C-alpha atoms as a PDB file:
ATOM      1  CA  MET A   1     117.106 124.373 125.141  1.00  0.00           C
ATOM      2  CA  THR A   2     113.476 124.387 126.336  1.00  0.00           C
ATOM      3  CA  PRO A   3     111.511 121.097 126.566  1.00  0.00           C
ATOM      4  CA  ARG A   4     109.018 122.412 123.972  1.00  0.00           C
ATOM      5  CA  PHE A   5     111.867 123.171 121.544  1.00  0.00           C
ATOM      6  CA  ARG A   6     113.373 119.697 122.069  1.00  0.00           C
ATOM      7  CA  VAL A   7     109.982 118.119 121.347  1.00  0.00           C
ATOM      8  CA  ALA A   8     109.612 120.259 118.227  1.00  0.00           C
ATOM      9  CA  ALA A   9     113.104 119.322 117.013  1.00  0.00           C
ATOM     10  CA  ARG A  10     112.473 115.600 117.581  1.00  0.00           C
ATOM     11  CA  CYS A  11     109.095 115.851 115.870  1.00  0.00           C
ATOM     12  CA  ALA A  12     110.631 117.508 112.816  1.00  0.00           C
ATOM     13  CA  LEU A  13     113.277 114.762 112.558  1.00  0.00           C
ATOM     14  CA  ALA A  14     110.733 111.988 113.044  1.00  0.00           C
ATOM     15  CA  LEU A  15     108.398 113.563 110.510  1.00  0.00           C
ATOM     16  CA  ALA A  16     111.187 113.788 107.947  1.00  0.00           C
ATOM     17  CA  ALA A  17     112.131 110.147 108.554  1.00  0.00           C
ATOM     18  CA  CYS A  18     108.536 108.952 108.238  1.00  0.00           C
ATOM     19  CA  CYS A  19     107.404 110.938 105.194  1.00  0.00           C
ATOM     20  CA  ALA A  20     106.815 107.737 103.237  1.00  0.00           C
ATOM     21  CA  GLY A  21     104.367 106.402 105.854  1.00  0.00           C
ATOM     22  CA  PRO A  22     100.871 107.547 106.788  1.00  0.00           C
ATOM     23  CA  ALA A  23     101.143 110.808 108.697  1.00  0.00           C
ATOM     24  CA  ALA A  24      99.069 112.093 111.573  1.00  0.00           C
ATOM     25  CA  LEU A  25      97.504 115.451 110.989  1.00  0.00           C
ATOM     26  CA  ALA A  26      99.655 117.739 113.083  1.00  0.00           C
ATOM     27  CA  THR A  27     101.647 120.909 112.852  1.00  0.00           C
ATOM     28  CA  PRO A  28     105.465 120.624 112.856  1.00  0.00           C
ATOM     29  CA  THR A  29     105.584 121.441 116.590  1.00  0.00           C
ATOM     30  CA  ASP A  30     102.985 118.830 117.576  1.00  0.00           C
ATOM     31  CA  PRO A  31     104.033 115.342 118.675  1.00  0.00           C
ATOM     32  CA  THR A  32     104.282 112.942 115.746  1.00  0.00           C
ATOM     33  CA  LEU A  33     102.124 109.882 116.278  1.00  0.00           C
ATOM     34  CA  ILE A  34     102.210 107.264 113.537  1.00  0.00           C
ATOM     35  CA  LEU A  35     101.328 103.581 113.780  1.00  0.00           C
ATOM     36  CA  THR A  36     102.948 101.270 111.237  1.00  0.00           C
ATOM     37  CA  ALA A  37     102.058  97.767 112.459  1.00  0.00           C
ATOM     38  CA  ALA A  38      99.899  96.009 115.034  1.00  0.00           C
ATOM     39  CA  ALA A  39      99.713  92.333 115.983  1.00  0.00           C
ATOM     40  CA  SER A  40      98.100  90.268 118.687  1.00  0.00           C
ATOM     41  CA  ALA A  41      99.150  86.965 120.263  1.00  0.00           C
ATOM     42  CA  ALA A  42      97.536  84.728 122.851  1.00  0.00           C
ATOM     43  CA  GLY A  43      99.027  82.150 125.164  1.00  0.00           C
ATOM     44  CA  ASP A  44      98.740  80.668 128.624  1.00  0.00           C
ATOM     45  CA  GLY A  45      99.830  83.987 130.145  1.00  0.00           C
ATOM     46  CA  GLY A  46      97.052  85.957 128.422  1.00  0.00           C
ATOM     47  CA  ARG A  47      96.786  88.101 125.321  1.00  0.00           C
ATOM     48  CA  VAL A  48      99.355  90.627 124.148  1.00  0.00           C
ATOM     49  CA  LEU A  49      99.012  93.476 121.683  1.00  0.00           C
ATOM     50  CA  ARG A  50     102.140  94.848 120.039  1.00  0.00           C
ATOM     51  CA  ILE A  51     102.097  98.127 118.155  1.00  0.00           C
ATOM     52  CA  ASP A  52     104.957  99.646 116.192  1.00  0.00           C
ATOM     53  CA  GLY A  53     105.276 103.214 115.036  1.00  0.00           C
ATOM     54  CA  SER A  54     106.609 106.652 115.778  1.00  0.00           C
ATOM     55  CA  PHE A  55     105.964 108.174 119.182  1.00  0.00           C
ATOM     56  CA  HIS A  56     108.071 109.796 121.859  1.00  0.00           C
ATOM     57  CA  ALA A  57     109.445 106.726 123.622  1.00  0.00           C
ATOM     58  CA  GLN A  58     112.290 108.710 125.187  1.00  0.00           C
ATOM     59  CA  ASP A  59     109.839 111.247 126.641  1.00  0.00           C
ATOM     60  CA  LEU A  60     107.610 108.438 127.900  1.00  0.00           C
ATOM     61  CA  VAL A  61     110.446 106.979 129.926  1.00  0.00           C
ATOM     62  CA  GLN A  62     111.827 110.279 131.250  1.00  0.00           C
ATOM     63  CA  LEU A  63     108.685 112.385 131.708  1.00  0.00           C
ATOM     64  CA  ALA A  64     105.046 111.908 132.603  1.00  0.00           C
ATOM     65  CA  TYR A  65     104.206 112.140 128.882  1.00  0.00           C
ATOM     66  CA  PRO A  66     100.430 111.821 128.413  1.00  0.00           C
ATOM     67  CA  LEU A  67     100.373 109.228 125.616  1.00  0.00           C
ATOM     68  CA  GLN A  68      97.182 107.184 125.431  1.00  0.00           C
ATOM     69  CA  VAL A  69      96.743 103.912 123.541  1.00  0.00           C
ATOM     70  CA  LEU A  70      93.161 103.225 122.512  1.00  0.00           C
ATOM     71  CA  VAL A  71      92.085  99.778 121.353  1.00  0.00           C
ATOM     72  CA  ARG A  72      88.501  99.741 120.212  1.00  0.00           C
ATOM     73  CA  MET A  73      86.086  97.207 118.863  1.00  0.00           C
ATOM     74  CA  GLY A  74      82.926  98.995 117.829  1.00  0.00           C
ATOM     75  CA  THR A  75      81.964 100.988 120.919  1.00  0.00           C
ATOM     76  CA  ALA A  76      83.908  98.794 123.391  1.00  0.00           C
ATOM     77  CA  TYR A  77      87.401  99.973 124.253  1.00  0.00           C
ATOM     78  CA  VAL A  78      90.421  99.515 126.438  1.00  0.00           C
ATOM     79  CA  ARG A  79      92.501 102.647 126.969  1.00  0.00           C
ATOM     80  CA  PHE A  80      96.057 102.452 128.240  1.00  0.00           C
ATOM     81  CA  ASP A  81      97.197 105.634 129.951  1.00  0.00           C
ATOM     82  CA  LEU A  82     100.924 105.022 130.010  1.00  0.00           C
ATOM     83  CA  ALA A  83     101.299 107.154 133.122  1.00  0.00           C
ATOM     84  CA  ASP A  84      98.276 105.811 135.012  1.00  0.00           C
ATOM     85  CA  GLY A  85      97.164 102.269 134.065  1.00  0.00           C
ATOM     86  CA  ALA A  86      94.364 100.959 131.881  1.00  0.00           C
ATOM     87  CA  VAL A  87      90.596 101.271 131.794  1.00  0.00           C
ATOM     88  CA  THR A  88      87.834  99.567 129.830  1.00  0.00           C
ATOM     89  CA  GLY A  89      84.482 100.882 128.802  1.00  0.00           C
ATOM     90  CA  SER A  90      81.966 101.501 126.092  1.00  0.00           C
ATOM     91  CA  ALA A  91      81.405 104.813 124.339  1.00  0.00           C
ATOM     92  CA  PRO A  92      78.754 105.185 121.612  1.00  0.00           C
ATOM     93  CA  GLU A  93      80.749 108.003 120.001  1.00  0.00           C
ATOM     94  CA  LEU A  94      83.515 105.516 119.127  1.00  0.00           C
ATOM     95  CA  ALA A  95      81.264 103.536 116.754  1.00  0.00           C
ATOM     96  CA  ASP A  96      82.724 105.418 113.773  1.00  0.00           C
ATOM     97  CA  GLY A  97      86.266 105.677 115.185  1.00  0.00           C
ATOM     98  CA  LEU A  98      87.946 108.178 117.463  1.00  0.00           C
ATOM     99  CA  GLN A  99      87.626 111.822 116.428  1.00  0.00           C
ATOM    100  CA  ALA A 100      89.759 114.611 117.917  1.00  0.00           C
ATOM    101  CA  GLY A 101      86.771 116.180 119.669  1.00  0.00           C
ATOM    102  CA  GLU A 102      85.992 112.914 121.485  1.00  0.00           C
ATOM    103  CA  ALA A 103      89.458 112.197 122.904  1.00  0.00           C
ATOM    104  CA  GLN A 104      89.273 114.545 125.911  1.00  0.00           C
ATOM    105  CA  GLY A 105      86.021 112.913 127.087  1.00  0.00           C
ATOM    106  CA  LEU A 106      87.657 109.484 127.160  1.00  0.00           C
ATOM    107  CA  LEU A 107      90.227 110.602 129.733  1.00  0.00           C
ATOM    108  CA  GLY A 108      87.720 110.622 132.586  1.00  0.00           C
ATOM    109  CA  ALA A 109      85.739 107.587 131.454  1.00  0.00           C
ATOM    110  CA  GLY A 110      86.127 103.860 131.939  1.00  0.00           C
ATOM    111  CA  THR A 111      86.525 101.275 134.670  1.00  0.00           C
ATOM    112  CA  PRO A 112      89.991 100.317 135.922  1.00  0.00           C
ATOM    113  CA  ALA A 113      91.334  97.132 134.315  1.00  0.00           C
ATOM    114  CA  PRO A 114      93.949  95.788 136.744  1.00  0.00           C
ATOM    115  CA  ASP A 115      94.807  92.826 134.482  1.00  0.00           C
ATOM    116  CA  ALA A 116      95.727  95.179 131.601  1.00  0.00           C
ATOM    117  CA  ARG A 117      99.181  96.708 131.665  1.00  0.00           C
ATOM    118  CA  VAL A 118     102.075  97.911 129.568  1.00  0.00           C
ATOM    119  CA  LEU A 119     104.632  95.112 129.240  1.00  0.00           C
ATOM    120  CA  PHE A 120     107.244  96.831 127.093  1.00  0.00           C
ATOM    121  CA  LEU A 121     107.951 100.382 126.029  1.00  0.00           C
ATOM    122  CA  GLY A 122     110.839 101.008 123.675  1.00  0.00           C
ATOM    123  CA  LEU A 123     111.852 103.010 120.672  1.00  0.00           C
ATOM    124  CA  GLY A 124     109.054 102.526 118.166  1.00  0.00           C
ATOM    125  CA  ARG A 125     107.380  99.632 119.992  1.00  0.00           C
ATOM    126  CA  LEU A 126     104.769  99.126 122.694  1.00  0.00           C
ATOM    127  CA  GLU A 127     103.496  95.819 124.052  1.00  0.00           C
ATOM    128  CA  MET A 128     100.436  95.624 126.270  1.00  0.00           C
ATOM    129  CA  ALA A 129      98.618  92.833 128.094  1.00  0.00           C
ATOM    130  CA  LEU A 130      94.958  93.013 127.121  1.00  0.00           C
ATOM    131  CA  PRO A 131      92.318  92.558 129.812  1.00  0.00           C
ATOM    132  CA  ALA A 132      90.757  89.093 129.865  1.00  0.00           C
ATOM    133  CA  SER A 133      87.298  90.673 129.554  1.00  0.00           C
ATOM    134  CA  PHE A 134      88.078  92.445 126.269  1.00  0.00           C
ATOM    135  CA  PRO A 135      86.610  90.580 123.280  1.00  0.00           C
ATOM    136  CA  ALA A 136      88.597  88.894 120.518  1.00  0.00           C
ATOM    137  CA  GLY A 137      88.138  89.802 116.851  1.00  0.00           C
ATOM    138  CA  ALA A 138      88.649  92.728 114.488  1.00  0.00           C
ATOM    139  CA  ALA A 139      89.652  95.917 116.315  1.00  0.00           C
ATOM    140  CA  GLU A 140      91.554  99.168 115.815  1.00  0.00           C
ATOM    141  CA  ALA A 141      94.555 100.530 117.689  1.00  0.00           C
ATOM    142  CA  GLN A 142      95.235 104.260 117.862  1.00  0.00           C
ATOM    143  CA  LEU A 143      97.444 106.639 119.843  1.00  0.00           C
ATOM    144  CA  PHE A 144      96.458 110.046 121.102  1.00  0.00           C
ATOM    145  CA  VAL A 145      97.845 112.858 123.211  1.00  0.00           C
ATOM    146  CA  ILE A 146      96.121 115.899 124.647  1.00  0.00           C
ATOM    147  CA  ASP A 147      98.678 118.678 124.095  1.00  0.00           C
ATOM    148  CA  GLU A 148      97.833 122.151 125.409  1.00  0.00           C
ATOM    149  CA  GLY A 149      94.130 121.275 125.403  1.00  0.00           C
ATOM    150  CA  GLU A 150      94.040 119.872 121.855  1.00  0.00           C
ATOM    151  CA  ALA A 151      93.884 116.237 120.824  1.00  0.00           C
ATOM    152  CA  ILE A 152      96.541 114.904 118.493  1.00  0.00           C
ATOM    153  CA  LEU A 153      95.639 111.524 116.995  1.00  0.00           C
ATOM    154  CA  SER A 154      97.656 108.902 115.192  1.00  0.00           C
ATOM    155  CA  ASN A 155      96.261 106.958 112.310  1.00  0.00           C
ATOM    156  CA  ALA A 156      93.934 104.123 113.337  1.00  0.00           C
ATOM    157  CA  LEU A 157      95.416 100.726 112.505  1.00  0.00           C
ATOM    158  CA  PRO A 158      93.318  97.570 112.132  1.00  0.00           C
ATOM    159  CA  VAL A 159      94.345  94.532 114.169  1.00  0.00           C
ATOM    160  CA  VAL A 160      92.763  91.151 114.850  1.00  0.00           C
ATOM    161  CA  LEU A 161      92.840  90.410 118.586  1.00  0.00           C
ATOM    162  CA  GLU A 162      93.493  86.752 119.273  1.00  0.00           C
ATOM    163  CA  ALA A 163      91.181  84.773 121.536  1.00  0.00           C
ATOM    164  CA  SER A 164      92.530  83.310 124.753  1.00  0.00           C
ATOM    165  CA  PRO A 165      93.427  79.610 124.420  1.00  0.00           C
END
């Protein structure tokens, strides 16, 4: 069985299981990216963002799967590249949310954020330490993947980022 076929089969199963939830706009062979919940917490160790949803956790652990987690507040963002660390930046095009045509440009942008990292990656759940410099307040979390040159986006989910104590 080819890797592409396995991804397609998993996507079809995940799509069938998640039909009641908000769906990402994708063809049946594209990765399914759906966010269902997001929450933030702050403590002495810093701030953590937890997102729940449907994404290829098994592929993320076994392969260099190019999943990106974007947390944006207006034009400010932190982007977690699960294979390569996190970056922060500002992009005027994000003022109205992430559009598919803007995702590729974000991959080469940003400043490394060494205090931001993925803390947990499991089936349907991601937890990330937010950089200390990223502001608190109303934000959006979104997943995206560049697959064969095309951006596949999840739904954008609102979240309130807690302030550091």
